[in-house]
PDB file of all heavy atoms in Angstrom:
ATOM      1  N   TYR A   1     -15.692  28.387 -24.620  1.00  0.00           N
ATOM      2  CA  TYR A   1     -14.720  27.314 -24.502  1.00  0.00           C
ATOM      3  C   TYR A   1     -13.553  27.682 -23.662  1.00  0.00           C
ATOM      4  O   TYR A   1     -13.227  28.857 -23.627  1.00  0.00           O
ATOM      5  CB  TYR A   1     -14.332  26.752 -25.826  1.00  0.00           C
ATOM      6  CG  TYR A   1     -15.319  25.820 -26.629  1.00  0.00           C
ATOM      7  CD1 TYR A   1     -16.121  26.550 -27.459  1.00  0.00           C
ATOM      8  CD2 TYR A   1     -15.354  24.533 -26.358  1.00  0.00           C
ATOM      9  CE1 TYR A   1     -17.116  25.738 -28.231  1.00  0.00           C
ATOM     10  CE2 TYR A   1     -16.288  23.763 -27.031  1.00  0.00           C
ATOM     11  CZ  TYR A   1     -17.067  24.401 -28.001  1.00  0.00           C
ATOM     12  OH  TYR A   1     -18.025  23.567 -28.641  1.00  0.00           O
ATOM     13  N   CYS A   2     -12.985  26.751 -22.909  1.00  0.00           N
ATOM     14  CA  CYS A   2     -11.786  27.046 -22.097  1.00  0.00           C
ATOM     15  C   CYS A   2     -10.983  25.793 -22.150  1.00  0.00           C
ATOM     16  O   CYS A   2     -11.370  24.694 -22.569  1.00  0.00           O
ATOM     17  CB  CYS A   2     -12.059  27.416 -20.709  1.00  0.00           C
ATOM     18  SG  CYS A   2     -12.679  25.972 -19.699  1.00  0.00           S
ATOM     19  N   SER A   3      -9.712  25.922 -21.824  1.00  0.00           N
ATOM     20  CA  SER A   3      -8.711  24.875 -21.912  1.00  0.00           C
ATOM     21  C   SER A   3      -8.975  23.810 -20.836  1.00  0.00           C
ATOM     22  O   SER A   3      -9.584  24.072 -19.791  1.00  0.00           O
ATOM     23  CB  SER A   3      -7.262  25.369 -21.790  1.00  0.00           C
ATOM     24  OG  SER A   3      -7.077  25.691 -20.379  1.00  0.00           O
ATOM     25  N   ASP A   4      -8.479  22.557 -21.073  1.00  0.00           N
ATOM     26  CA  ASP A   4      -8.632  21.507 -20.153  1.00  0.00           C
ATOM     27  C   ASP A   4      -7.794  21.865 -18.884  1.00  0.00           C
ATOM     28  O   ASP A   4      -8.174  21.393 -17.778  1.00  0.00           O
ATOM     29  CB  ASP A   4      -8.216  20.180 -20.749  1.00  0.00           C
ATOM     30  CG  ASP A   4      -6.791  20.084 -21.279  1.00  0.00           C
ATOM     31  OD1 ASP A   4      -6.091  21.179 -21.462  1.00  0.00           O
ATOM     32  OD2 ASP A   4      -6.346  19.037 -21.546  1.00  0.00           O
ATOM     33  N   LYS A   5      -6.768  22.682 -19.028  1.00  0.00           N
ATOM     34  CA  LYS A   5      -5.950  23.003 -17.890  1.00  0.00           C
ATOM     35  C   LYS A   5      -6.721  23.917 -16.865  1.00  0.00           C
ATOM     36  O   LYS A   5      -6.532  23.832 -15.701  1.00  0.00           O
ATOM     37  CB  LYS A   5      -4.646  23.804 -18.339  1.00  0.00           C
ATOM     38  CG  LYS A   5      -3.789  23.015 -19.183  1.00  0.00           C
ATOM     39  CD  LYS A   5      -3.236  21.759 -18.496  1.00  0.00           C
ATOM     40  CE  LYS A   5      -2.315  20.897 -19.443  1.00  0.00           C
ATOM     41  NZ  LYS A   5      -1.875  19.622 -18.773  1.00  0.00           N
ATOM     42  N   ASP A   6      -7.605  24.735 -17.437  1.00  0.00           N
ATOM     43  CA  ASP A   6      -8.491  25.618 -16.664  1.00  0.00           C
ATOM     44  C   ASP A   6      -9.461  24.656 -15.745  1.00  0.00           C
ATOM     45  O   ASP A   6      -9.689  24.976 -14.615  1.00  0.00           O
ATOM     46  CB  ASP A   6      -9.225  26.639 -17.467  1.00  0.00           C
ATOM     47  CG  ASP A   6      -8.350  27.643 -18.030  1.00  0.00           C
ATOM     48  OD1 ASP A   6      -7.266  27.889 -17.478  1.00  0.00           O
ATOM     49  OD2 ASP A   6      -8.680  28.182 -19.178  1.00  0.00           O
ATOM     50  N   VAL A   7     -10.071  23.741 -16.508  1.00  0.00           N
ATOM     51  CA  VAL A   7     -10.936  22.819 -15.818  1.00  0.00           C
ATOM     52  C   VAL A   7     -10.204  22.073 -14.755  1.00  0.00           C
ATOM     53  O   VAL A   7     -10.729  21.715 -13.620  1.00  0.00           O
ATOM     54  CB  VAL A   7     -11.727  22.005 -16.796  1.00  0.00           C
ATOM     55  CG1 VAL A   7     -12.550  20.872 -16.140  1.00  0.00           C
ATOM     56  CG2 VAL A   7     -12.626  22.845 -17.716  1.00  0.00           C
ATOM     57  N   GLU A   8      -9.040  21.643 -15.048  1.00  0.00           N
ATOM     58  CA  GLU A   8      -8.171  20.917 -14.105  1.00  0.00           C
ATOM     59  C   GLU A   8      -7.955  21.744 -12.836  1.00  0.00           C
ATOM     60  O   GLU A   8      -8.040  21.173 -11.725  1.00  0.00           O
ATOM     61  CB  GLU A   8      -6.889  20.531 -14.746  1.00  0.00           C
ATOM     62  CG  GLU A   8      -5.953  19.725 -13.873  1.00  0.00           C
ATOM     63  CD  GLU A   8      -4.778  19.256 -14.549  1.00  0.00           C
ATOM     64  OE1 GLU A   8      -4.135  20.010 -15.394  1.00  0.00           O
ATOM     65  OE2 GLU A   8      -4.340  18.063 -14.444  1.00  0.00           O
ATOM     66  N   LYS A   9      -7.735  23.026 -12.911  1.00  0.00           N
ATOM     67  CA  LYS A   9      -7.561  23.956 -11.811  1.00  0.00           C
ATOM     68  C   LYS A   9      -8.940  23.996 -11.008  1.00  0.00           C
ATOM     69  O   LYS A   9      -8.827  23.874  -9.759  1.00  0.00           O
ATOM     70  CB  LYS A   9      -7.237  25.407 -12.281  1.00  0.00           C
ATOM     71  CG  LYS A   9      -5.895  25.518 -12.927  1.00  0.00           C
ATOM     72  CD  LYS A   9      -5.700  26.983 -13.396  1.00  0.00           C
ATOM     73  CE  LYS A   9      -4.470  27.159 -14.213  1.00  0.00           C
ATOM     74  NZ  LYS A   9      -4.354  28.554 -14.736  1.00  0.00           N
ATOM     75  N   ALA A  10     -10.024  24.019 -11.678  1.00  0.00           N
ATOM     76  CA  ALA A  10     -11.293  24.058 -10.944  1.00  0.00           C
ATOM     77  C   ALA A  10     -11.542  22.788 -10.141  1.00  0.00           C
ATOM     78  O   ALA A  10     -11.935  22.804  -9.002  1.00  0.00           O
ATOM     79  CB  ALA A  10     -12.427  24.386 -11.980  1.00  0.00           C
ATOM     80  N   ILE A  11     -11.243  21.644 -10.781  1.00  0.00           N
ATOM     81  CA  ILE A  11     -11.455  20.316 -10.163  1.00  0.00           C
ATOM     82  C   ILE A  11     -10.559  20.246  -8.918  1.00  0.00           C
ATOM     83  O   ILE A  11     -10.962  19.712  -7.945  1.00  0.00           O
ATOM     84  CB  ILE A  11     -11.069  19.168 -11.174  1.00  0.00           C
ATOM     85  CG1 ILE A  11     -12.121  19.219 -12.262  1.00  0.00           C
ATOM     86  CG2 ILE A  11     -10.986  17.791 -10.467  1.00  0.00           C
ATOM     87  CD1 ILE A  11     -11.830  18.347 -13.435  1.00  0.00           C
ATOM     88  N   GLY A  12      -9.354  20.814  -9.004  1.00  0.00           N
ATOM     89  CA  GLY A  12      -8.465  20.840  -7.857  1.00  0.00           C
ATOM     90  C   GLY A  12      -8.909  21.540  -6.648  1.00  0.00           C
ATOM     91  O   GLY A  12      -8.505  21.323  -5.552  1.00  0.00           O
ATOM     92  N   GLN A  13      -9.937  22.372  -6.895  1.00  0.00           N
ATOM     93  CA  GLN A  13     -10.527  23.093  -5.675  1.00  0.00           C
ATOM     94  C   GLN A  13     -11.549  22.268  -4.968  1.00  0.00           C
ATOM     95  O   GLN A  13     -11.990  22.623  -3.916  1.00  0.00           O
ATOM     96  CB  GLN A  13     -11.065  24.447  -6.228  1.00  0.00           C
ATOM     97  CG  GLN A  13     -10.052  25.435  -6.686  1.00  0.00           C
ATOM     98  CD  GLN A  13     -10.643  26.729  -7.154  1.00  0.00           C
ATOM     99  OE1 GLN A  13     -11.796  27.029  -6.849  1.00  0.00           O
ATOM    100  NE2 GLN A  13      -9.805  27.484  -7.928  1.00  0.00           N
ATOM    101  N   GLY A  14     -11.934  21.151  -5.565  1.00  0.00           N
ATOM    102  CA  GLY A  14     -12.703  20.130  -4.810  1.00  0.00           C
ATOM    103  C   GLY A  14     -14.181  20.206  -4.735  1.00  0.00           C
ATOM    104  O   GLY A  14     -14.808  19.475  -4.030  1.00  0.00           O
ATOM    105  N   ASP A  15     -14.850  20.948  -5.653  1.00  0.00           N
ATOM    106  CA  ASP A  15     -16.285  21.041  -5.637  1.00  0.00           C
ATOM    107  C   ASP A  15     -16.888  21.018  -6.953  1.00  0.00           C
ATOM    108  O   ASP A  15     -17.698  21.860  -7.355  1.00  0.00           O
ATOM    109  CB  ASP A  15     -16.752  22.324  -4.814  1.00  0.00           C
ATOM    110  CG  ASP A  15     -18.185  22.327  -4.430  1.00  0.00           C
ATOM    111  OD1 ASP A  15     -18.844  21.210  -4.423  1.00  0.00           O
ATOM    112  OD2 ASP A  15     -18.711  23.347  -4.189  1.00  0.00           O
ATOM    113  N   VAL A  16     -16.523  19.940  -7.716  1.00  0.00           N
ATOM    114  CA  VAL A  16     -17.005  19.761  -9.096  1.00  0.00           C
ATOM    115  C   VAL A  16     -17.710  18.415  -9.136  1.00  0.00           C
ATOM    116  O   VAL A  16     -17.008  17.320  -8.868  1.00  0.00           O
ATOM    117  CB  VAL A  16     -15.869  19.834 -10.131  1.00  0.00           C
ATOM    118  CG1 VAL A  16     -16.414  19.560 -11.557  1.00  0.00           C
ATOM    119  CG2 VAL A  16     -15.247  21.265 -10.105  1.00  0.00           C
ATOM    120  N   PHE A  17     -18.968  18.311  -9.441  1.00  0.00           N
ATOM    121  CA  PHE A  17     -19.742  17.156  -9.281  1.00  0.00           C
ATOM    122  C   PHE A  17     -20.503  16.768 -10.546  1.00  0.00           C
ATOM    123  O   PHE A  17     -20.925  17.642 -11.349  1.00  0.00           O
ATOM    124  CB  PHE A  17     -20.881  17.298  -8.147  1.00  0.00           C
ATOM    125  CG  PHE A  17     -20.257  17.186  -6.822  1.00  0.00           C
ATOM    126  CD1 PHE A  17     -19.683  18.270  -6.122  1.00  0.00           C
ATOM    127  CD2 PHE A  17     -20.317  15.954  -6.091  1.00  0.00           C
ATOM    128  CE1 PHE A  17     -19.147  18.160  -4.865  1.00  0.00           C
ATOM    129  CE2 PHE A  17     -19.857  15.838  -4.829  1.00  0.00           C
ATOM    130  CZ  PHE A  17     -19.281  16.895  -4.231  1.00  0.00           C
ATOM    131  N   VAL A  18     -20.694  15.518 -10.780  1.00  0.00           N
ATOM    132  CA  VAL A  18     -21.512  14.941 -11.851  1.00  0.00           C
ATOM    133  C   VAL A  18     -22.644  14.253 -11.094  1.00  0.00           C
ATOM    134  O   VAL A  18     -22.443  13.617 -10.110  1.00  0.00           O
ATOM    135  CB  VAL A  18     -20.685  14.014 -12.786  1.00  0.00           C
ATOM    136  CG1 VAL A  18     -20.270  12.824 -12.105  1.00  0.00           C
ATOM    137  CG2 VAL A  18     -21.571  13.686 -13.976  1.00  0.00           C
ATOM    138  N   LYS A  19     -23.870  14.357 -11.837  1.00  0.00           N
ATOM    139  CA  LYS A  19     -25.014  13.718 -11.181  1.00  0.00           C
ATOM    140  C   LYS A  19     -25.244  12.373 -11.809  1.00  0.00           C
ATOM    141  O   LYS A  19     -24.901  12.124 -13.047  1.00  0.00           O
ATOM    142  CB  LYS A  19     -26.324  14.516 -11.384  1.00  0.00           C
ATOM    143  CG  LYS A  19     -26.441  15.749 -10.527  1.00  0.00           C
ATOM    144  CD  LYS A  19     -25.195  16.357 -10.029  1.00  0.00           C
ATOM    145  CE  LYS A  19     -25.211  17.781  -9.831  1.00  0.00           C
ATOM    146  NZ  LYS A  19     -23.923  18.475 -10.000  1.00  0.00           N
ATOM    147  N   ILE A  20     -25.788  11.380 -11.110  1.00  0.00           N
ATOM    148  CA  ILE A  20     -25.922  10.031 -11.529  1.00  0.00           C
ATOM    149  C   ILE A  20     -27.321   9.560 -11.473  1.00  0.00           C
ATOM    150  O   ILE A  20     -27.933   9.621 -10.310  1.00  0.00           O
ATOM    151  CB  ILE A  20     -25.045   9.005 -10.772  1.00  0.00           C
ATOM    152  CG1 ILE A  20     -23.604   9.537 -10.769  1.00  0.00           C
ATOM    153  CG2 ILE A  20     -25.114   7.668 -11.265  1.00  0.00           C
ATOM    154  CD1 ILE A  20     -22.660   8.721  -9.878  1.00  0.00           C
ATOM    155  N   ASN A  21     -27.986   9.186 -12.550  1.00  0.00           N
ATOM    156  CA  ASN A  21     -29.401   8.704 -12.479  1.00  0.00           C
ATOM    157  C   ASN A  21     -29.372   7.158 -12.209  1.00  0.00           C
ATOM    158  O   ASN A  21     -28.408   6.584 -11.915  1.00  0.00           O
ATOM    159  CB  ASN A  21     -30.120   9.091 -13.765  1.00  0.00           C
ATOM    160  CG  ASN A  21     -29.554   8.453 -15.040  1.00  0.00           C
ATOM    161  OD1 ASN A  21     -28.802   7.530 -14.966  1.00  0.00           O
ATOM    162  ND2 ASN A  21     -29.819   9.088 -16.118  1.00  0.00           N
ATOM    163  N   VAL A  22     -30.506   6.515 -12.395  1.00  0.00           N
ATOM    164  CA  VAL A  22     -30.696   5.115 -12.060  1.00  0.00           C
ATOM    165  C   VAL A  22     -29.800   4.230 -13.012  1.00  0.00           C
ATOM    166  O   VAL A  22     -29.504   3.173 -12.613  1.00  0.00           O
ATOM    167  CB  VAL A  22     -32.148   4.701 -12.183  1.00  0.00           C
ATOM    168  CG1 VAL A  22     -32.969   5.369 -11.169  1.00  0.00           C
ATOM    169  CG2 VAL A  22     -32.685   4.966 -13.568  1.00  0.00           C
ATOM    170  N   ASP A  23     -29.359   4.732 -14.148  1.00  0.00           N
ATOM    171  CA  ASP A  23     -28.503   4.013 -15.075  1.00  0.00           C
ATOM    172  C   ASP A  23     -27.079   3.910 -14.538  1.00  0.00           C
ATOM    173  O   ASP A  23     -26.199   3.227 -15.175  1.00  0.00           O
ATOM    174  CB  ASP A  23     -28.615   4.471 -16.419  1.00  0.00           C
ATOM    175  CG  ASP A  23     -30.015   4.340 -16.968  1.00  0.00           C
ATOM    176  OD1 ASP A  23     -30.682   3.381 -16.629  1.00  0.00           O
ATOM    177  OD2 ASP A  23     -30.524   5.208 -17.744  1.00  0.00           O
ATOM    178  N   GLY A  24     -26.744   4.795 -13.572  1.00  0.00           N
ATOM    179  CA  GLY A  24     -25.326   4.868 -13.195  1.00  0.00           C
ATOM    180  C   GLY A  24     -24.395   5.594 -14.196  1.00  0.00           C
ATOM    181  O   GLY A  24     -24.838   6.245 -15.098  1.00  0.00           O
ATOM    182  N   ILE A  25     -23.115   5.502 -13.924  1.00  0.00           N
ATOM    183  CA  ILE A  25     -22.143   6.188 -14.815  1.00  0.00           C
ATOM    184  C   ILE A  25     -21.796   5.254 -15.914  1.00  0.00           C
ATOM    185  O   ILE A  25     -21.084   4.259 -15.774  1.00  0.00           O
ATOM    186  CB  ILE A  25     -20.846   6.604 -14.007  1.00  0.00           C
ATOM    187  CG1 ILE A  25     -21.241   7.765 -12.998  1.00  0.00           C
ATOM    188  CG2 ILE A  25     -19.899   7.109 -15.064  1.00  0.00           C
ATOM    189  CD1 ILE A  25     -19.941   8.207 -12.212  1.00  0.00           C
ATOM    190  N   GLN A  26     -22.296   5.427 -17.081  1.00  0.00           N
ATOM    191  CA  GLN A  26     -21.979   4.723 -18.256  1.00  0.00           C
ATOM    192  C   GLN A  26     -22.109   5.553 -19.544  1.00  0.00           C
ATOM    193  O   GLN A  26     -22.796   6.635 -19.463  1.00  0.00           O
ATOM    194  CB  GLN A  26     -22.891   3.364 -18.368  1.00  0.00           C
ATOM    195  CG  GLN A  26     -24.358   3.765 -18.408  1.00  0.00           C
ATOM    196  CD  GLN A  26     -25.197   2.544 -18.471  1.00  0.00           C
ATOM    197  OE1 GLN A  26     -25.241   1.854 -19.444  1.00  0.00           O
ATOM    198  NE2 GLN A  26     -25.868   2.146 -17.281  1.00  0.00           N
ATOM    199  N   ARG A  27     -21.573   5.150 -20.548  1.00  0.00           N
ATOM    200  CA  ARG A  27     -21.644   5.824 -21.832  1.00  0.00           C
ATOM    201  C   ARG A  27     -23.059   5.790 -22.457  1.00  0.00           C
ATOM    202  O   ARG A  27     -23.633   4.711 -22.527  1.00  0.00           O
ATOM    203  CB  ARG A  27     -20.569   5.358 -22.776  1.00  0.00           C
ATOM    204  CG  ARG A  27     -20.460   6.154 -24.122  1.00  0.00           C
ATOM    205  CD  ARG A  27     -19.345   5.493 -24.984  1.00  0.00           C
ATOM    206  NE  ARG A  27     -18.074   5.311 -24.234  1.00  0.00           N
ATOM    207  CZ  ARG A  27     -17.288   6.366 -23.831  1.00  0.00           C
ATOM    208  NH1 ARG A  27     -17.500   7.523 -24.232  1.00  0.00           N
ATOM    209  NH2 ARG A  27     -16.218   6.005 -23.153  1.00  0.00           N
ATOM    210  N   LYS A  28     -23.620   6.961 -22.659  1.00  0.00           N
ATOM    211  CA  LYS A  28     -24.895   6.976 -23.264  1.00  0.00           C
ATOM    212  C   LYS A  28     -24.775   6.519 -24.762  1.00  0.00           C
ATOM    213  O   LYS A  28     -23.809   6.753 -25.489  1.00  0.00           O
ATOM    214  CB  LYS A  28     -25.537   8.389 -23.258  1.00  0.00           C
ATOM    215  CG  LYS A  28     -25.715   8.854 -21.778  1.00  0.00           C
ATOM    216  CD  LYS A  28     -26.521  10.197 -21.802  1.00  0.00           C
ATOM    217  CE  LYS A  28     -26.609  10.720 -20.327  1.00  0.00           C
ATOM    218  NZ  LYS A  28     -27.311   9.844 -19.497  1.00  0.00           N
ATOM    219  N   ASN A  29     -25.858   5.921 -25.163  1.00  0.00           N
ATOM    220  CA  ASN A  29     -25.850   5.333 -26.496  1.00  0.00           C
ATOM    221  C   ASN A  29     -26.160   6.312 -27.557  1.00  0.00           C
ATOM    222  O   ASN A  29     -27.183   6.301 -28.320  1.00  0.00           O
ATOM    223  CB  ASN A  29     -26.796   4.100 -26.588  1.00  0.00           C
ATOM    224  CG  ASN A  29     -26.755   3.291 -27.936  1.00  0.00           C
ATOM    225  OD1 ASN A  29     -25.749   3.287 -28.558  1.00  0.00           O
ATOM    226  ND2 ASN A  29     -27.864   2.860 -28.338  1.00  0.00           N
TER     227      ASN A  29
END
């Protein structure tokens, strides 16, 4: 586990991706 601040730093570097299937970005049930 790491802090949200660490992940925020990683996101700031610009190469953090989430993949999207045919259902798109939505909350899984």
